[in-house]
Amino acid sequence: MPASLPREDRLRLMKFVCSFAWADLEVQAQERDFVGKMIEHLELEDARAQVEGWLRHPPPPEEVDPTDVPREHRELFLDAVRRLVAADERIDPKEAETLALFEQLLV
């Protein structure tokens, strides 16, 4: 994921990733680690507290509307969410369902 994305889009991406960490109603340690690495990779260290806040309390549903994802970044968002879902090496049925819906809405 390129840090060259506009800051607003990088934060939007992190919001989606964190919302998917909550798909099974429990944020796993591996998912937290994945998010931490993404913060560094996307050069969002100055927003770390905000992003980690989304791991403590999920973002409101109206703030993670797939139709808000810019068309040119949809594949990037899908890839990041897929990697987050697989981070704990266990895909909960609720995560799988949420991911499938997300994929349908973005394609």
PDB file of N, CA and C in Angstrom:
ATOM      1  N   MET A   1       0.836  -1.185   0.000  1.00  0.00           N
ATOM      2  CA  MET A   1       0.000   0.000   0.000  1.00  0.00           C
ATOM      3  C   MET A   1       0.877   1.243   0.000  1.00  0.00           C
ATOM      4  N   PRO A   2       0.706   2.007  -0.996  1.00  0.00           N
ATOM      5  CA  PRO A   2       1.587   3.162  -1.122  1.00  0.00           C
ATOM      6  C   PRO A   2       1.255   4.287  -0.137  1.00  0.00           C
ATOM      7  N   ALA A   3       2.310   4.793   0.465  1.00  0.00           N
ATOM      8  CA  ALA A   3       2.146   5.947   1.343  1.00  0.00           C
ATOM      9  C   ALA A   3       1.873   7.186   0.510  1.00  0.00           C
ATOM     10  N   SER A   4       1.908   7.044  -0.813  1.00  0.00           N
ATOM     11  CA  SER A   4       1.662   8.181  -1.699  1.00  0.00           C
ATOM     12  C   SER A   4       0.170   8.493  -1.842  1.00  0.00           C
ATOM     13  N   LEU A   5      -0.688   7.632  -1.318  1.00  0.00           N
ATOM     14  CA  LEU A   5      -2.120   7.949  -1.318  1.00  0.00           C
ATOM     15  C   LEU A   5      -2.338   9.240  -0.541  1.00  0.00           C
ATOM     16  N   PRO A   6      -3.317  10.018  -0.920  1.00  0.00           N
ATOM     17  CA  PRO A   6      -3.618  11.206  -0.119  1.00  0.00           C
ATOM     18  C   PRO A   6      -3.900  10.790   1.343  1.00  0.00           C
ATOM     19  N   ARG A   7      -3.517  11.632   2.263  1.00  0.00           N
ATOM     20  CA  ARG A   7      -3.670  11.329   3.698  1.00  0.00           C
ATOM     21  C   ARG A   7      -5.111  10.911   4.032  1.00  0.00           C
ATOM     22  N   GLU A   8      -6.073  11.629   3.495  1.00  0.00           N
ATOM     23  CA  GLU A   8      -7.482  11.322   3.762  1.00  0.00           C
ATOM     24  C   GLU A   8      -7.812   9.881   3.360  1.00  0.00           C
ATOM     25  N   ASP A   9      -7.279   9.437   2.223  1.00  0.00           N
ATOM     26  CA  ASP A   9      -7.530   8.076   1.757  1.00  0.00           C
ATOM     27  C   ASP A   9      -6.791   7.047   2.606  1.00  0.00           C
ATOM     28  N   ARG A  10      -5.586   7.396   3.072  1.00  0.00           N
ATOM     29  CA  ARG A  10      -4.858   6.474   3.953  1.00  0.00           C
ATOM     30  C   ARG A  10      -5.609   6.288   5.269  1.00  0.00           C
ATOM     31  N   LEU A  11      -6.150   7.367   5.798  1.00  0.00           N
ATOM     32  CA  LEU A  11      -6.941   7.259   7.033  1.00  0.00           C
ATOM     33  C   LEU A  11      -8.240   6.493   6.783  1.00  0.00           C
ATOM     34  N   ARG A  12      -8.864   6.738   5.644  1.00  0.00           N
ATOM     35  CA  ARG A  12     -10.086   5.997   5.293  1.00  0.00           C
ATOM     36  C   ARG A  12      -9.771   4.501   5.213  1.00  0.00           C
ATOM     37  N   LEU A  13      -8.651   4.161   4.600  1.00  0.00           N
ATOM     38  CA  LEU A  13      -8.229   2.768   4.501  1.00  0.00           C
ATOM     39  C   LEU A  13      -8.067   2.162   5.891  1.00  0.00           C
ATOM     40  N   MET A  14      -7.416   2.870   6.779  1.00  0.00           N
ATOM     41  CA  MET A  14      -7.212   2.352   8.137  1.00  0.00           C
ATOM     42  C   MET A  14      -8.541   2.189   8.871  1.00  0.00           C
ATOM     43  N   LYS A  15      -9.461   3.084   8.620  1.00  0.00           N
ATOM     44  CA  LYS A  15     -10.779   2.987   9.251  1.00  0.00           C
ATOM     45  C   LYS A  15     -11.480   1.711   8.793  1.00  0.00           C
ATOM     46  N   PHE A  16     -11.396   1.407   7.493  1.00  0.00           N
ATOM     47  CA  PHE A  16     -11.995   0.174   6.968  1.00  0.00           C
ATOM     48  C   PHE A  16     -11.306  -1.046   7.553  1.00  0.00           C
ATOM     49  N   VAL A  17      -9.977  -1.032   7.583  1.00  0.00           N
ATOM     50  CA  VAL A  17      -9.234  -2.169   8.123  1.00  0.00           C
ATOM     51  C   VAL A  17      -9.629  -2.410   9.577  1.00  0.00           C
ATOM     52  N   CYS A  18      -9.702  -1.348  10.362  1.00  0.00           N
ATOM     53  CA  CYS A  18     -10.081  -1.502  11.771  1.00  0.00           C
ATOM     54  C   CYS A  18     -11.519  -1.988  11.916  1.00  0.00           C
ATOM     55  N   SER A  19     -12.395  -1.528  11.055  1.00  0.00           N
ATOM     56  CA  SER A  19     -13.780  -1.987  11.141  1.00  0.00           C
ATOM     57  C   SER A  19     -13.854  -3.492  10.858  1.00  0.00           C
ATOM     58  N   PHE A  20     -13.014  -3.989   9.952  1.00  0.00           N
ATOM     59  CA  PHE A  20     -12.996  -5.422   9.669  1.00  0.00           C
ATOM     60  C   PHE A  20     -12.386  -6.212  10.818  1.00  0.00           C
ATOM     61  N   ALA A  21     -11.486  -5.600  11.565  1.00  0.00           N
ATOM     62  CA  ALA A  21     -10.939  -6.283  12.740  1.00  0.00           C
ATOM     63  C   ALA A  21     -12.056  -6.582  13.741  1.00  0.00           C
ATOM     64  N   TRP A  22     -13.116  -5.789  13.696  1.00  0.00           N
ATOM     65  CA  TRP A  22     -14.259  -5.952  14.593  1.00  0.00           C
ATOM     66  C   TRP A  22     -15.345  -6.875  14.024  1.00  0.00           C
ATOM     67  N   ALA A  23     -15.175  -7.382  12.815  1.00  0.00           N
ATOM     68  CA  ALA A  23     -16.237  -8.159  12.159  1.00  0.00           C
ATOM     69  C   ALA A  23     -16.709  -9.342  12.993  1.00  0.00           C
ATOM     70  N   ASP A  24     -15.782  -9.969  13.729  1.00  0.00           N
ATOM     71  CA  ASP A  24     -16.167 -11.107  14.571  1.00  0.00           C
ATOM     72  C   ASP A  24     -16.344 -10.687  16.032  1.00  0.00           C
ATOM     73  N   LEU A  25     -16.416  -9.370  16.258  1.00  0.00           N
ATOM     74  CA  LEU A  25     -16.644  -8.760  17.573  1.00  0.00           C
ATOM     75  C   LEU A  25     -15.483  -8.931  18.543  1.00  0.00           C
ATOM     76  N   GLU A  26     -14.316  -9.310  18.024  1.00  0.00           N
ATOM     77  CA  GLU A  26     -13.135  -9.480  18.868  1.00  0.00           C
ATOM     78  C   GLU A  26     -11.885  -9.178  18.057  1.00  0.00           C
ATOM     79  N   VAL A  27     -11.105  -8.196  18.491  1.00  0.00           N
ATOM     80  CA  VAL A  27      -9.869  -7.836  17.791  1.00  0.00           C
ATOM     81  C   VAL A  27      -8.745  -8.711  18.340  1.00  0.00           C
ATOM     82  N   GLN A  28      -8.160  -9.511  17.457  1.00  0.00           N
ATOM     83  CA  GLN A  28      -7.088 -10.428  17.846  1.00  0.00           C
ATOM     84  C   GLN A  28      -5.738  -9.709  17.878  1.00  0.00           C
ATOM     85  N   ALA A  29      -4.787 -10.263  18.640  1.00  0.00           N
ATOM     86  CA  ALA A  29      -3.443  -9.688  18.747  1.00  0.00           C
ATOM     87  C   ALA A  29      -2.782  -9.585  17.372  1.00  0.00           C
ATOM     88  N   GLN A  30      -2.968 -10.601  16.535  1.00  0.00           N
ATOM     89  CA  GLN A  30      -2.360 -10.582  15.200  1.00  0.00           C
ATOM     90  C   GLN A  30      -2.952  -9.453  14.352  1.00  0.00           C
ATOM     91  N   GLU A  31      -4.231  -9.178  14.547  1.00  0.00           N
ATOM     92  CA  GLU A  31      -4.866  -8.078  13.813  1.00  0.00           C
ATOM     93  C   GLU A  31      -4.316  -6.743  14.300  1.00  0.00           C
ATOM     94  N   ARG A  32      -4.102  -6.618  15.604  1.00  0.00           N
ATOM     95  CA  ARG A  32      -3.490  -5.392  16.147  1.00  0.00           C
ATOM     96  C   ARG A  32      -2.085  -5.199  15.579  1.00  0.00           C
ATOM     97  N   ASP A  33      -1.326  -6.284  15.494  1.00  0.00           N
ATOM     98  CA  ASP A  33       0.024  -6.209  14.931  1.00  0.00           C
ATOM     99  C   ASP A  33      -0.023  -5.766  13.470  1.00  0.00           C
ATOM    100  N   PHE A  34      -0.963  -6.342  12.718  1.00  0.00           N
ATOM    101  CA  PHE A  34      -1.121  -5.984  11.306  1.00  0.00           C
ATOM    102  C   PHE A  34      -1.416  -4.493  11.173  1.00  0.00           C
ATOM    103  N   VAL A  35      -2.327  -3.986  11.995  1.00  0.00           N
ATOM    104  CA  VAL A  35      -2.687  -2.571  11.954  1.00  0.00           C
ATOM    105  C   VAL A  35      -1.471  -1.711  12.294  1.00  0.00           C
ATOM    106  N   GLY A  36      -0.703  -2.119  13.292  1.00  0.00           N
ATOM    107  CA  GLY A  36       0.492  -1.367  13.662  1.00  0.00           C
ATOM    108  C   GLY A  36       1.483  -1.258  12.517  1.00  0.00           C
ATOM    109  N   LYS A  37       1.661  -2.359  11.798  1.00  0.00           N
ATOM    110  CA  LYS A  37       2.577  -2.345  10.653  1.00  0.00           C
ATOM    111  C   LYS A  37       2.033  -1.475   9.523  1.00  0.00           C
ATOM    112  N   MET A  38       0.725  -1.499   9.338  1.00  0.00           N
ATOM    113  CA  MET A  38       0.119  -0.647   8.305  1.00  0.00           C
ATOM    114  C   MET A  38       0.285   0.833   8.642  1.00  0.00           C
ATOM    115  N   ILE A  39       0.155   1.174   9.918  1.00  0.00           N
ATOM    116  CA  ILE A  39       0.346   2.571  10.342  1.00  0.00           C
ATOM    117  C   ILE A  39       1.728   3.040   9.905  1.00  0.00           C
ATOM    118  N   GLU A  40       2.731   2.204  10.152  1.00  0.00           N
ATOM    119  CA  GLU A  40       4.099   2.555   9.771  1.00  0.00           C
ATOM    120  C   GLU A  40       4.230   2.628   8.250  1.00  0.00           C
ATOM    121  N   HIS A  41       3.738   1.621   7.568  1.00  0.00           N
ATOM    122  CA  HIS A  41       3.870   1.544   6.109  1.00  0.00           C
ATOM    123  C   HIS A  41       3.181   2.725   5.410  1.00  0.00           C
ATOM    124  N   LEU A  42       2.055   3.134   5.956  1.00  0.00           N
ATOM    125  CA  LEU A  42       1.302   4.245   5.351  1.00  0.00           C
ATOM    126  C   LEU A  42       1.745   5.609   5.879  1.00  0.00           C
ATOM    127  N   GLU A  43       2.792   5.585   6.704  1.00  0.00           N
ATOM    128  CA  GLU A  43       3.341   6.829   7.267  1.00  0.00           C
ATOM    129  C   GLU A  43       2.260   7.639   7.981  1.00  0.00           C
ATOM    130  N   LEU A  44       1.565   6.960   8.893  1.00  0.00           N
ATOM    131  CA  LEU A  44       0.505   7.605   9.675  1.00  0.00           C
ATOM    132  C   LEU A  44       0.829   7.601  11.169  1.00  0.00           C
ATOM    133  N   GLU A  45       2.120   7.654  11.489  1.00  0.00           N
ATOM    134  CA  GLU A  45       2.518   7.642  12.898  1.00  0.00           C
ATOM    135  C   GLU A  45       1.825   8.746  13.697  1.00  0.00           C
ATOM    136  N   ASP A  46       1.622   9.901  13.073  1.00  0.00           N
ATOM    137  CA  ASP A  46       0.990  11.014  13.769  1.00  0.00           C
ATOM    138  C   ASP A  46      -0.493  10.756  14.047  1.00  0.00           C
ATOM    139  N   ALA A  47      -1.061   9.728  13.405  1.00  0.00           N
ATOM    140  CA  ALA A  47      -2.471   9.378  13.606  1.00  0.00           C
ATOM    141  C   ALA A  47      -2.611   8.053  14.362  1.00  0.00           C
ATOM    142  N   ARG A  48      -1.513   7.554  14.915  1.00  0.00           N
ATOM    143  CA  ARG A  48      -1.528   6.248  15.598  1.00  0.00           C
ATOM    144  C   ARG A  48      -2.603   6.186  16.681  1.00  0.00           C
ATOM    145  N   ALA A  49      -2.711   7.198  17.513  1.00  0.00           N
ATOM    146  CA  ALA A  49      -3.701   7.182  18.594  1.00  0.00           C
ATOM    147  C   ALA A  49      -5.120   7.086  18.037  1.00  0.00           C
ATOM    148  N   GLN A  50      -5.376   7.819  16.976  1.00  0.00           N
ATOM    149  CA  GLN A  50      -6.706   7.785  16.352  1.00  0.00           C
ATOM    150  C   GLN A  50      -7.002   6.391  15.798  1.00  0.00           C
ATOM    151  N   VAL A  51      -6.046   5.808  15.093  1.00  0.00           N
ATOM    152  CA  VAL A  51      -6.239   4.483  14.505  1.00  0.00           C
ATOM    153  C   VAL A  51      -6.393   3.434  15.605  1.00  0.00           C
ATOM    154  N   GLU A  52      -5.562   3.489  16.616  1.00  0.00           N
ATOM    155  CA  GLU A  52      -5.674   2.528  17.711  1.00  0.00           C
ATOM    156  C   GLU A  52      -6.998   2.690  18.454  1.00  0.00           C
ATOM    157  N   GLY A  53      -7.539   3.884  18.437  1.00  0.00           N
ATOM    158  CA  GLY A  53      -8.864   4.110  19.012  1.00  0.00           C
ATOM    159  C   GLY A  53      -9.930   3.320  18.273  1.00  0.00           C
ATOM    160  N   TRP A  54      -9.768   3.176  16.964  1.00  0.00           N
ATOM    161  CA  TRP A  54     -10.719   2.380  16.171  1.00  0.00           C
ATOM    162  C   TRP A  54     -10.595   0.897  16.489  1.00  0.00           C
ATOM    163  N   LEU A  55      -9.465   0.493  17.069  1.00  0.00           N
ATOM    164  CA  LEU A  55      -9.330  -0.902  17.507  1.00  0.00           C
ATOM    165  C   LEU A  55      -9.969  -1.111  18.886  1.00  0.00           C
ATOM    166  N   ARG A  56     -10.072  -0.036  19.650  1.00  0.00           N
ATOM    167  CA  ARG A  56     -10.752  -0.131  20.963  1.00  0.00           C
ATOM    168  C   ARG A  56     -12.265  -0.032  20.816  1.00  0.00           C
ATOM    169  N   HIS A  57     -12.701   0.821  19.874  1.00  0.00           N
ATOM    170  CA  HIS A  57     -14.127   1.034  19.605  1.00  0.00           C
ATOM    171  C   HIS A  57     -14.280   1.149  18.096  1.00  0.00           C
ATOM    172  N   PRO A  58     -15.062   0.283  17.482  1.00  0.00           N
ATOM    173  CA  PRO A  58     -15.157   0.307  16.014  1.00  0.00           C
ATOM    174  C   PRO A  58     -15.690   1.627  15.486  1.00  0.00           C
ATOM    175  N   PRO A  59     -15.230   2.007  14.306  1.00  0.00           N
ATOM    176  CA  PRO A  59     -15.759   3.228  13.682  1.00  0.00           C
ATOM    177  C   PRO A  59     -17.260   3.079  13.450  1.00  0.00           C
ATOM    178  N   PRO A  60     -17.999   4.174  13.531  1.00  0.00           N
ATOM    179  CA  PRO A  60     -19.443   4.109  13.249  1.00  0.00           C
ATOM    180  C   PRO A  60     -19.684   3.604  11.829  1.00  0.00           C
ATOM    181  N   PRO A  61     -20.710   2.778  11.647  1.00  0.00           N
ATOM    182  CA  PRO A  61     -20.980   2.204  10.316  1.00  0.00           C
ATOM    183  C   PRO A  61     -21.091   3.243   9.205  1.00  0.00           C
ATOM    184  N   GLU A  62     -21.659   4.403   9.508  1.00  0.00           N
ATOM    185  CA  GLU A  62     -21.819   5.413   8.464  1.00  0.00           C
ATOM    186  C   GLU A  62     -20.481   5.991   8.002  1.00  0.00           C
ATOM    187  N   GLU A  63     -19.408   5.737   8.760  1.00  0.00           N
ATOM    188  CA  GLU A  63     -18.082   6.233   8.376  1.00  0.00           C
ATOM    189  C   GLU A  63     -17.280   5.202   7.583  1.00  0.00           C
ATOM    190  N   VAL A  64     -17.841   4.014   7.375  1.00  0.00           N
ATOM    191  CA  VAL A  64     -17.166   2.985   6.585  1.00  0.00           C
ATOM    192  C   VAL A  64     -18.108   2.488   5.487  1.00  0.00           C
ATOM    193  N   ASP A  65     -18.547   3.418   4.696  1.00  0.00           N
ATOM    194  CA  ASP A  65     -19.442   3.126   3.579  1.00  0.00           C
ATOM    195  C   ASP A  65     -18.591   2.773   2.363  1.00  0.00           C
ATOM    196  N   PRO A  66     -18.712   1.540   1.863  1.00  0.00           N
ATOM    197  CA  PRO A  66     -17.899   1.138   0.707  1.00  0.00           C
ATOM    198  C   PRO A  66     -18.054   2.044  -0.504  1.00  0.00           C
ATOM    199  N   THR A  67     -19.189   2.702  -0.646  1.00  0.00           N
ATOM    200  CA  THR A  67     -19.375   3.590  -1.797  1.00  0.00           C
ATOM    201  C   THR A  67     -18.503   4.845  -1.699  1.00  0.00           C
ATOM    202  N   ASP A  68     -17.936   5.096  -0.512  1.00  0.00           N
ATOM    203  CA  ASP A  68     -17.038   6.239  -0.335  1.00  0.00           C
ATOM    204  C   ASP A  68     -15.607   5.930  -0.776  1.00  0.00           C
ATOM    205  N   VAL A  69     -15.308   4.666  -1.030  1.00  0.00           N
ATOM    206  CA  VAL A  69     -13.954   4.285  -1.446  1.00  0.00           C
ATOM    207  C   VAL A  69     -13.757   4.722  -2.895  1.00  0.00           C
ATOM    208  N   PRO A  70     -12.759   5.560  -3.129  1.00  0.00           N
ATOM    209  CA  PRO A  70     -12.514   5.997  -4.508  1.00  0.00           C
ATOM    210  C   PRO A  70     -12.298   4.788  -5.431  1.00  0.00           C
ATOM    211  N   ARG A  71     -12.911   4.828  -6.572  1.00  0.00           N
ATOM    212  CA  ARG A  71     -12.848   3.707  -7.524  1.00  0.00           C
ATOM    213  C   ARG A  71     -11.406   3.267  -7.783  1.00  0.00           C
ATOM    214  N   GLU A  72     -10.501   4.218  -7.911  1.00  0.00           N
ATOM    215  CA  GLU A  72      -9.122   3.881  -8.237  1.00  0.00           C
ATOM    216  C   GLU A  72      -8.376   3.198  -7.081  1.00  0.00           C
ATOM    217  N   HIS A  73      -8.966   3.217  -5.882  1.00  0.00           N
ATOM    218  CA  HIS A  73      -8.315   2.603  -4.722  1.00  0.00           C
ATOM    219  C   HIS A  73      -9.033   1.345  -4.236  1.00  0.00           C
ATOM    220  N   ARG A  74     -10.075   0.937  -4.915  1.00  0.00           N
ATOM    221  CA  ARG A  74     -10.890  -0.185  -4.420  1.00  0.00           C
ATOM    222  C   ARG A  74     -10.108  -1.482  -4.299  1.00  0.00           C
ATOM    223  N   GLU A  75      -9.281  -1.795  -5.279  1.00  0.00           N
ATOM    224  CA  GLU A  75      -8.500  -3.038  -5.208  1.00  0.00           C
ATOM    225  C   GLU A  75      -7.518  -2.983  -4.039  1.00  0.00           C
ATOM    226  N   LEU A  76      -6.949  -1.831  -3.810  1.00  0.00           N
ATOM    227  CA  LEU A  76      -6.033  -1.630  -2.686  1.00  0.00           C
ATOM    228  C   LEU A  76      -6.751  -1.852  -1.354  1.00  0.00           C
ATOM    229  N   PHE A  77      -7.954  -1.319  -1.218  1.00  0.00           N
ATOM    230  CA  PHE A  77      -8.734  -1.491   0.006  1.00  0.00           C
ATOM    231  C   PHE A  77      -9.092  -2.964   0.200  1.00  0.00           C
ATOM    232  N   LEU A  78      -9.520  -3.611  -0.880  1.00  0.00           N
ATOM    233  CA  LEU A  78      -9.867  -5.033  -0.794  1.00  0.00           C
ATOM    234  C   LEU A  78      -8.670  -5.869  -0.356  1.00  0.00           C
ATOM    235  N   ASP A  79      -7.519  -5.598  -0.937  1.00  0.00           N
ATOM    236  CA  ASP A  79      -6.311  -6.339  -0.587  1.00  0.00           C
ATOM    237  C   ASP A  79      -5.968  -6.164   0.892  1.00  0.00           C
ATOM    238  N   ALA A  80      -6.023  -4.943   1.371  1.00  0.00           N
ATOM    239  CA  ALA A  80      -5.695  -4.677   2.777  1.00  0.00           C
ATOM    240  C   ALA A  80      -6.674  -5.386   3.713  1.00  0.00           C
ATOM    241  N   VAL A  81      -7.946  -5.333   3.391  1.00  0.00           N
ATOM    242  CA  VAL A  81      -8.966  -5.966   4.237  1.00  0.00           C
ATOM    243  C   VAL A  81      -8.798  -7.488   4.208  1.00  0.00           C
ATOM    244  N   ARG A  82      -8.521  -8.039   3.044  1.00  0.00           N
ATOM    245  CA  ARG A  82      -8.287  -9.498   2.949  1.00  0.00           C
ATOM    246  C   ARG A  82      -7.108  -9.912   3.824  1.00  0.00           C
ATOM    247  N   ARG A  83      -6.031  -9.124   3.776  1.00  0.00           N
ATOM    248  CA  ARG A  83      -4.849  -9.455   4.582  1.00  0.00           C
ATOM    249  C   ARG A  83      -5.134  -9.324   6.071  1.00  0.00           C
ATOM    250  N   LEU A  84      -5.926  -8.332   6.455  1.00  0.00           N
ATOM    251  CA  LEU A  84      -6.306  -8.191   7.864  1.00  0.00           C
ATOM    252  C   LEU A  84      -7.125  -9.393   8.318  1.00  0.00           C
ATOM    253  N   VAL A  85      -8.108  -9.782   7.519  1.00  0.00           N
ATOM    254  CA  VAL A  85      -8.979 -10.902   7.873  1.00  0.00           C
ATOM    255  C   VAL A  85      -8.156 -12.189   8.037  1.00  0.00           C
ATOM    256  N   ALA A  86      -7.118 -12.359   7.231  1.00  0.00           N
ATOM    257  CA  ALA A  86      -6.286 -13.557   7.294  1.00  0.00           C
ATOM    258  C   ALA A  86      -5.171 -13.457   8.338  1.00  0.00           C
ATOM    259  N   ALA A  87      -4.993 -12.302   8.945  1.00  0.00           N
ATOM    260  CA  ALA A  87      -3.864 -12.067   9.848  1.00  0.00           C
ATOM    261  C   ALA A  87      -3.815 -13.034  11.027  1.00  0.00           C
ATOM    262  N   ASP A  88      -4.968 -13.411  11.555  1.00  0.00           N
ATOM    263  CA  ASP A  88      -4.966 -14.312  12.716  1.00  0.00           C
ATOM    264  C   ASP A  88      -5.064 -15.781  12.293  1.00  0.00           C
ATOM    265  N   GLU A  89      -4.920 -16.031  10.978  1.00  0.00           N
ATOM    266  CA  GLU A  89      -4.919 -17.379  10.411  1.00  0.00           C
ATOM    267  C   GLU A  89      -6.203 -18.156  10.696  1.00  0.00           C
ATOM    268  N   ARG A  90      -7.267 -17.422  10.941  1.00  0.00           N
ATOM    269  CA  ARG A  90      -8.563 -18.052  11.214  1.00  0.00           C
ATOM    270  C   ARG A  90      -9.626 -17.084  10.721  1.00  0.00           C
ATOM    271  N   ILE A  91     -10.440 -17.538   9.782  1.00  0.00           N
ATOM    272  CA  ILE A  91     -11.481 -16.668   9.253  1.00  0.00           C
ATOM    273  C   ILE A  91     -12.818 -17.092   9.845  1.00  0.00           C
ATOM    274  N   ASP A  92     -13.313 -16.254  10.714  1.00  0.00           N
ATOM    275  CA  ASP A  92     -14.601 -16.473  11.363  1.00  0.00           C
ATOM    276  C   ASP A  92     -15.698 -16.360  10.302  1.00  0.00           C
ATOM    277  N   PRO A  93     -16.790 -17.128  10.427  1.00  0.00           N
ATOM    278  CA  PRO A  93     -17.881 -17.026   9.443  1.00  0.00           C
ATOM    279  C   PRO A  93     -18.410 -15.599   9.279  1.00  0.00           C
ATOM    280  N   LYS A  94     -18.477 -14.841  10.361  1.00  0.00           N
ATOM    281  CA  LYS A  94     -18.951 -13.456  10.279  1.00  0.00           C
ATOM    282  C   LYS A  94     -17.972 -12.606   9.461  1.00  0.00           C
ATOM    283  N   GLU A  95     -16.655 -12.839   9.662  1.00  0.00           N
ATOM    284  CA  GLU A  95     -15.655 -12.121   8.870  1.00  0.00           C
ATOM    285  C   GLU A  95     -15.796 -12.463   7.391  1.00  0.00           C
ATOM    286  N   ALA A  96     -15.974 -13.750   7.097  1.00  0.00           N
ATOM    287  CA  ALA A  96     -16.111 -14.188   5.710  1.00  0.00           C
ATOM    288  C   ALA A  96     -17.335 -13.552   5.064  1.00  0.00           C
ATOM    289  N   GLU A  97     -18.427 -13.504   5.803  1.00  0.00           N
ATOM    290  CA  GLU A  97     -19.662 -12.908   5.284  1.00  0.00           C
ATOM    291  C   GLU A  97     -19.483 -11.411   5.022  1.00  0.00           C
ATOM    292  N   THR A  98     -18.864 -10.729   5.972  1.00  0.00           N
ATOM    293  CA  THR A  98     -18.650  -9.287   5.836  1.00  0.00           C
ATOM    294  C   THR A  98     -17.700  -8.994   4.676  1.00  0.00           C
ATOM    295  N   LEU A  99     -16.656  -9.795   4.536  1.00  0.00           N
ATOM    296  CA  LEU A  99     -15.705  -9.623   3.445  1.00  0.00           C
ATOM    297  C   LEU A  99     -16.381  -9.856   2.091  1.00  0.00           C
ATOM    298  N   ALA A 100     -17.200 -10.883   1.991  1.00  0.00           N
ATOM    299  CA  ALA A 100     -17.898 -11.169   0.735  1.00  0.00           C
ATOM    300  C   ALA A 100     -18.809 -10.011   0.346  1.00  0.00           C
ATOM    301  N   LEU A 101     -19.505  -9.463   1.314  1.00  0.00           N
ATOM    302  CA  LEU A 101     -20.389  -8.315   1.047  1.00  0.00           C
ATOM    303  C   LEU A 101     -19.574  -7.110   0.594  1.00  0.00           C
ATOM    304  N   PHE A 102     -18.453  -6.859   1.276  1.00  0.00           N
ATOM    305  CA  PHE A 102     -17.578  -5.748   0.915  1.00  0.00           C
ATOM    306  C   PHE A 102     -17.084  -5.906  -0.523  1.00  0.00           C
ATOM    307  N   GLU A 103     -16.665  -7.121  -0.869  1.00  0.00           N
ATOM    308  CA  GLU A 103     -16.188  -7.381  -2.230  1.00  0.00           C
ATOM    309  C   GLU A 103     -17.290  -7.107  -3.256  1.00  0.00           C
ATOM    310  N   GLN A 104     -18.512  -7.548  -2.963  1.00  0.00           N
ATOM    311  CA  GLN A 104     -19.620  -7.324  -3.884  1.00  0.00           C
ATOM    312  C   GLN A 104     -19.906  -5.841  -4.063  1.00  0.00           C
ATOM    313  N   LEU A 105     -19.801  -5.091  -2.992  1.00  0.00           N
ATOM    314  CA  LEU A 105     -20.113  -3.660  -3.063  1.00  0.00           C
ATOM    315  C   LEU A 105     -19.036  -2.871  -3.804  1.00  0.00           C
ATOM    316  N   LEU A 106     -17.813  -3.379  -3.787  1.00  0.00           N
ATOM    317  CA  LEU A 106     -16.718  -2.647  -4.443  1.00  0.00           C
ATOM    318  C   LEU A 106     -16.520  -3.022  -5.891  1.00  0.00           C
ATOM    319  N   VAL A 107     -17.006  -4.171  -6.295  1.00  0.00           N
ATOM    320  CA  VAL A 107     -16.765  -4.625  -7.678  1.00  0.00           C
ATOM    321  C   VAL A 107     -17.760  -3.991  -8.628  1.00  0.00           C
TER     322      VAL A 107
END
